[in-house]
Amino acid sequence: MIILDENTKCVVQGITGKQGSFHTQSMLDYGTNIVAGTSPGKGGQDFQGVPVYNSIEEIREEMEVNASIIFIPAAFAKDAAFEALSQLETVVVITEHIPIHDTLEIVAYARKNNKILIGPNTPGIITPGVGKLGIMPGHIFNPGDVGIVSRSGTLTYEVASQITQAGMGQSTCLGIGGDPVVGLDYSDVLQRFQDDPGTRAMVMIGEIGGNAEEKAADFIARNIDKPVVAYIAGVTAPPGKRMGHAGAIIEGESGTALSKKTALENAGVEVADRPSQISEIIKKLL
């Protein structure tokens, strides 16, 4: 497992909002160690037994916390992210539609201060059997030794479900986020899986647009010796049209599914043509 383990003590920022309360309940039901929440002006209340504070600073005066998950509307997400990153080690930003100049500032601050930033516009992270900081459906995951890193939440669920149904399981699954600029990238997560003794193989799920997958291919060729299986979504996507995620747009010759698939195959990665092939390829490689 990586990042999210038994020692993770999490704060939910925006715990009393519609999204925050719904997903906090789901995370609690999964067994996640959520110790507090924030909702400015509602300090002193509680949600399902989780105490609510006005700020992270107030929480830290009373208890130890080291991670945050953010369900704050896009207009206020930058302030929430800076509040968390200035005081905690790990921050997961679920919020989508954050202005890109805000995201650039958030990501730059996280990297400068060596903090773990997942997202924005991410389904989050799950370590099966331990906890989840995110919005993924917990029942499809199973503890195991396959690490998954993805730009797509829905494809993460699809691939994880098929790995589970094939009698295997996942060490940790992490969505890096679908925006053009994100915190942790593929290489950051792949290196953590490489260093994790509980991960024997990795699945990398990519999509058209940008050059993140090509950069990951170069990183894999130089740094990763565990088996990596990949899938690239968007084979039939027309150039110049955004497909779902803000980052999923082909411009010029780069960013196509073919260019990404070629780069990965040249790095020794087996690339599946369909998500349904991934679990069989993993079985063959292990």
Protein backbone atom coordinates (compact mmCIF):
# COMPACT_ATOMS: atom_id res chain seq x y z
CA MET A 1 0.00 0.00 0.00
CA ILE A 2 1.06 3.57 -0.60
CA ILE A 3 0.16 6.95 1.00
CA LEU A 4 -3.08 5.81 2.73
CA ASP A 5 -2.40 3.35 5.55
CA GLU A 6 -3.36 2.57 9.15
CA ASN A 7 -1.54 5.69 10.36
CA THR A 8 -3.60 8.09 8.22
CA LYS A 9 -5.75 10.42 10.34
CA CYS A 10 -8.01 12.42 8.06
CA VAL A 11 -9.91 15.71 8.13
CA VAL A 12 -12.86 16.32 5.76
CA GLN A 13 -12.95 19.95 4.62
CA GLY A 14 -16.54 20.81 3.77
CA ILE A 15 -17.96 17.94 5.85
CA THR A 16 -21.44 19.49 6.27
CA GLY A 17 -22.04 20.23 2.57
CA LYS A 18 -24.11 17.99 0.32
CA GLN A 19 -21.14 16.21 -1.30
CA GLY A 20 -19.00 16.28 1.82
CA SER A 21 -21.62 14.71 4.09
CA PHE A 22 -22.63 12.04 1.56
CA HIS A 23 -19.08 10.86 0.87
CA THR A 24 -17.97 11.20 4.50
CA GLN A 25 -20.67 8.69 5.42
CA SER A 26 -19.41 6.35 2.70
CA MET A 27 -15.79 6.72 3.84
CA LEU A 28 -16.77 6.06 7.46
CA ASP A 29 -18.76 2.99 6.41
CA TYR A 30 -15.63 1.71 4.65
CA GLY A 31 -13.61 2.05 7.86
CA THR A 32 -11.58 5.15 6.97
CA ASN A 33 -10.00 6.88 9.97
CA ILE A 34 -11.78 10.24 9.72
CA VAL A 35 -11.14 12.07 12.99
CA ALA A 36 -12.62 15.53 12.29
CA GLY A 37 -14.20 17.84 9.75
CA THR A 38 -14.23 21.55 9.00
CA SER A 39 -17.10 23.85 8.13
CA PRO A 40 -16.50 27.52 8.94
CA GLY A 41 -19.17 28.84 11.30
CA LYS A 42 -20.33 25.36 12.31
CA GLY A 43 -17.60 24.52 14.80
CA GLY A 44 -18.91 22.60 17.81
CA GLN A 45 -21.39 20.52 15.83
CA ASP A 46 -20.75 16.92 14.82
CA PHE A 47 -21.49 14.69 11.84
CA GLN A 48 -22.16 10.99 12.54
CA GLY A 49 -19.96 11.26 15.62
CA VAL A 50 -17.19 13.17 13.80
CA PRO A 51 -16.54 16.54 15.50
CA VAL A 52 -16.81 19.64 13.28
CA TYR A 53 -14.41 22.59 13.66
CA ASN A 54 -14.08 25.99 12.03
CA SER A 55 -10.52 25.37 10.80
CA ILE A 56 -7.72 22.82 10.61
CA GLU A 57 -5.74 24.94 13.04
CA GLU A 58 -8.47 24.43 15.66
CA ILE A 59 -8.42 20.68 15.05
CA ARG A 60 -4.65 20.46 15.50
CA GLU A 61 -4.91 22.14 18.89
CA GLU A 62 -6.92 19.13 20.09
CA MET A 63 -5.76 16.11 18.10
CA GLU A 64 -3.21 14.72 15.68
CA VAL A 65 -4.15 14.78 11.97
CA ASN A 66 -2.00 14.26 8.87
CA ALA A 67 -4.33 14.17 5.85
CA SER A 68 -7.25 16.08 4.37
CA ILE A 69 -9.87 15.50 1.71
CA ILE A 70 -11.48 18.59 0.18
CA PHE A 71 -15.15 18.90 -0.84
CA ILE A 72 -15.13 22.69 -1.12
CA PRO A 73 -16.74 24.52 -4.09
CA ALA A 74 -14.29 25.48 -6.84
CA ALA A 75 -14.30 29.20 -6.05
CA PHE A 76 -13.02 28.56 -2.51
CA ALA A 77 -10.95 25.43 -3.12
CA LYS A 78 -7.62 27.25 -3.41
CA ASP A 79 -7.92 28.72 0.10
CA ALA A 80 -8.93 25.30 1.48
CA ALA A 81 -6.01 23.60 -0.27
CA PHE A 82 -3.48 26.12 1.06
CA GLU A 83 -4.93 25.77 4.56
CA ALA A 84 -4.45 22.00 4.38
CA LEU A 85 -1.08 21.91 2.59
CA SER A 86 0.43 24.38 5.07
CA GLN A 87 -0.34 22.05 8.00
CA LEU A 88 -0.76 18.46 6.75
CA GLU A 89 1.27 15.94 4.75
CA THR A 90 -1.38 14.58 2.36
CA VAL A 91 -4.21 16.48 0.66
CA VAL A 92 -6.83 15.04 -1.71
CA VAL A 93 -8.76 17.61 -3.77
CA ILE A 94 -11.99 16.09 -5.10
CA THR A 95 -13.34 19.41 -6.42
CA GLU A 96 -13.58 19.87 -10.18
CA HIS A 97 -13.75 23.05 -12.29
CA ILE A 98 -11.09 24.81 -10.20
CA PRO A 99 -9.66 27.70 -12.30
CA ILE A 100 -6.36 26.55 -13.79
CA HIS A 101 -4.40 29.52 -12.39
CA ASP A 102 -5.58 28.48 -8.90
CA THR A 103 -4.48 24.90 -9.56
CA LEU A 104 -1.06 26.06 -10.76
CA GLU A 105 -0.54 27.89 -7.46
CA ILE A 106 -1.74 24.92 -5.40
CA VAL A 107 0.49 22.44 -7.25
CA ALA A 108 3.54 24.73 -7.09
CA TYR A 109 3.10 25.18 -3.33
CA ALA A 110 2.72 21.43 -2.76
CA ARG A 111 5.85 20.60 -4.75
CA LYS A 112 7.92 23.35 -3.16
CA ASN A 113 7.00 22.10 0.30
CA ASN A 114 7.27 18.38 -0.54
CA LYS A 115 3.63 17.65 0.26
CA ILE A 116 1.48 14.90 -1.28
CA LEU A 117 -1.27 16.47 -3.39
CA ILE A 118 -3.77 14.19 -5.15
CA GLY A 119 -5.99 15.91 -7.73
CA PRO A 120 -7.82 18.15 -8.28
CA ASN A 121 -10.78 16.59 -10.10
CA THR A 122 -9.89 13.15 -8.76
CA PRO A 123 -11.89 10.19 -7.46
CA GLY A 124 -9.25 10.02 -4.71
CA ILE A 125 -7.31 7.10 -3.29
CA ILE A 126 -8.29 3.75 -1.80
CA THR A 127 -6.22 1.14 0.00
CA PRO A 128 -8.60 -1.84 0.06
CA GLY A 129 -9.35 -3.10 3.54
CA VAL A 130 -7.77 -0.03 5.15
CA GLY A 131 -9.69 3.05 3.99
CA LYS A 132 -10.54 5.41 1.18
CA LEU A 133 -10.18 9.15 0.76
CA GLY A 134 -12.45 9.69 -2.17
CA ILE A 135 -15.69 8.92 -3.93
CA MET A 136 -15.05 5.41 -5.28
CA PRO A 137 -17.49 2.53 -4.60
CA GLY A 138 -15.65 0.49 -1.98
CA HIS A 139 -17.36 -2.86 -2.61
CA ILE A 140 -15.59 -3.49 -5.95
CA PHE A 141 -12.10 -3.40 -4.44
CA ASN A 142 -10.28 -6.31 -2.81
CA PRO A 143 -7.00 -6.32 -0.84
CA GLY A 144 -4.17 -7.58 -3.04
CA ASP A 145 -0.89 -6.70 -4.75
CA VAL A 146 -1.82 -4.84 -7.96
CA GLY A 147 -1.39 -1.06 -7.84
CA ILE A 148 -3.62 1.06 -10.09
CA VAL A 149 -2.95 4.66 -11.18
CA SER A 150 -5.40 6.40 -13.48
CA ARG A 151 -6.67 9.66 -14.94
CA SER A 152 -10.22 8.27 -15.13
CA GLY A 153 -12.39 7.41 -12.14
CA THR A 154 -14.88 5.30 -14.08
CA LEU A 155 -12.16 3.24 -15.79
CA THR A 156 -10.45 2.74 -12.44
CA TYR A 157 -13.63 1.16 -11.10
CA GLU A 158 -14.05 -0.99 -14.22
CA VAL A 159 -10.48 -2.33 -14.13
CA ALA A 160 -10.46 -2.82 -10.34
CA SER A 161 -13.73 -4.75 -10.56
CA GLN A 162 -12.34 -7.06 -13.22
CA ILE A 163 -9.14 -7.66 -11.24
CA THR A 164 -11.27 -8.54 -8.21
CA GLN A 165 -13.49 -10.85 -10.26
CA ALA A 166 -10.37 -12.56 -11.61
CA GLY A 167 -9.47 -13.58 -8.05
CA MET A 168 -6.81 -10.93 -7.48
CA GLY A 169 -6.81 -7.66 -5.56
CA GLN A 170 -5.37 -4.16 -5.33
CA SER A 171 -2.65 -2.74 -3.06
CA THR A 172 -3.70 0.88 -3.58
CA CYS A 173 -5.68 2.62 -6.33
CA LEU A 174 -5.12 6.31 -7.02
CA GLY A 175 -6.74 8.72 -9.46
CA ILE A 176 -4.29 11.48 -10.37
CA GLY A 177 -7.12 13.67 -11.72
CA GLY A 178 -8.48 14.61 -15.12
CA ASP A 179 -7.37 18.25 -15.28
CA PRO A 180 -4.44 19.47 -17.41
CA VAL A 181 -2.47 20.31 -14.23
CA VAL A 182 -2.44 17.91 -11.25
CA GLY A 183 -0.45 17.21 -8.10
CA LEU A 184 1.04 13.71 -8.11
CA ASP A 185 1.63 12.51 -11.67
CA TYR A 186 2.03 9.01 -13.08
CA SER A 187 5.76 8.91 -12.40
CA ASP A 188 5.34 9.92 -8.75
CA VAL A 189 2.81 7.15 -8.16
CA LEU A 190 4.64 4.49 -10.20
CA GLN A 191 7.82 5.13 -8.18
CA ARG A 192 5.88 4.67 -4.94
CA PHE A 193 4.49 1.38 -6.24
CA GLN A 194 8.02 0.35 -7.30
CA ASP A 195 9.24 0.99 -3.74
CA ASP A 196 6.24 -0.71 -2.10
CA PRO A 197 6.92 -4.35 -1.14
CA GLY A 198 3.16 -5.01 -1.13
CA THR A 199 2.79 -4.13 -4.83
CA ARG A 200 3.89 -6.80 -7.37
CA ALA A 201 2.42 -5.30 -10.54
CA MET A 202 0.98 -1.99 -11.70
CA VAL A 203 -1.83 -0.89 -13.98
CA MET A 204 -1.63 2.54 -15.60
CA ILE A 205 -4.85 3.87 -17.14
CA GLY A 206 -4.39 6.83 -19.46
CA GLU A 207 -6.38 8.81 -21.95
CA ILE A 208 -5.88 11.12 -24.90
CA GLY A 209 -4.56 14.65 -24.46
CA GLY A 210 -1.36 16.10 -23.03
CA ASN A 211 1.91 14.21 -22.73
CA ALA A 212 1.63 12.70 -19.24
CA GLU A 213 1.57 9.12 -20.53
CA GLU A 214 4.58 9.68 -22.83
CA LYS A 215 6.53 11.14 -19.89
CA ALA A 216 5.49 8.15 -17.79
CA ALA A 217 6.72 5.78 -20.52
CA ASP A 218 10.15 7.39 -20.42
CA PHE A 219 10.15 7.18 -16.61
CA ILE A 220 9.14 3.49 -16.67
CA ALA A 221 11.94 2.64 -19.10
CA ARG A 222 14.51 4.20 -16.78
CA ASN A 223 13.19 3.41 -13.28
CA ILE A 224 10.58 0.63 -13.08
CA ASP A 225 11.33 -3.09 -13.15
CA LYS A 226 8.02 -4.45 -11.86
CA PRO A 227 5.44 -5.46 -14.49
CA VAL A 228 3.32 -2.56 -15.80
CA VAL A 229 0.14 -3.02 -17.86
CA ALA A 230 -1.46 0.00 -19.50
CA TYR A 231 -4.67 1.01 -21.22
CA ILE A 232 -5.25 4.25 -23.14
CA ALA A 233 -8.82 5.51 -23.58
CA GLY A 234 -9.90 7.58 -26.58
CA VAL A 235 -8.66 5.65 -29.61
CA THR A 236 -11.48 7.03 -31.80
CA ALA A 237 -11.46 10.60 -30.45
CA PRO A 238 -11.41 13.37 -33.10
CA PRO A 239 -8.61 15.98 -32.88
CA GLY A 240 -9.52 19.33 -31.30
CA LYS A 241 -12.56 18.09 -29.39
CA ARG A 242 -12.48 17.80 -25.61
CA MET A 243 -13.53 14.34 -24.48
CA GLY A 244 -14.87 14.37 -20.90
CA HIS A 245 -11.92 15.58 -18.84
CA ALA A 246 -10.48 19.06 -19.32
CA GLY A 247 -7.12 17.47 -20.12
CA ALA A 248 -8.49 15.04 -22.70
CA ILE A 249 -8.01 16.95 -25.92
CA ILE A 250 -5.74 16.15 -28.86
CA GLU A 251 -3.79 19.09 -30.28
CA GLY A 252 -1.62 18.51 -33.35
CA GLU A 253 0.16 15.16 -33.61
CA SER A 254 0.83 14.64 -29.91
CA GLY A 255 -1.58 13.40 -27.28
CA THR A 256 -3.24 10.75 -29.43
CA ALA A 257 -3.99 7.28 -28.14
CA LEU A 258 -1.60 5.84 -30.73
CA SER A 259 1.33 8.09 -29.74
CA LYS A 260 0.85 7.15 -26.09
CA LYS A 261 0.48 3.44 -26.83
CA THR A 262 3.62 3.45 -28.97
CA ALA A 263 5.66 5.24 -26.31
CA LEU A 264 4.55 2.77 -23.63
CA GLU A 265 5.20 -0.28 -25.78
CA ASN A 266 8.68 1.05 -26.59
CA ALA A 267 9.26 1.23 -22.82
CA GLY A 268 8.39 -2.47 -22.47
CA VAL A 269 4.86 -1.95 -21.19
CA GLU A 270 2.14 -4.29 -22.40
CA VAL A 271 -0.79 -2.14 -23.56
CA ALA A 272 -4.27 -3.67 -23.55
CA ASP A 273 -6.64 -2.88 -26.43
CA ARG A 274 -9.63 -3.21 -24.09
CA PRO A 275 -9.98 -2.85 -20.30
CA SER A 276 -11.33 -6.40 -20.14
CA GLN A 277 -7.90 -7.75 -21.19
CA ILE A 278 -5.97 -6.24 -18.29
CA SER A 279 -6.56 -8.88 -15.63
CA GLU A 280 -5.51 -11.70 -17.99
CA ILE A 281 -2.32 -9.85 -18.93
CA ILE A 282 -1.49 -9.36 -15.23
CA LYS A 283 -1.98 -13.06 -14.53
CA LYS A 284 0.36 -13.87 -17.40
CA LEU A 285 3.06 -11.48 -16.14
CA LEU A 286 3.01 -12.52 -12.48
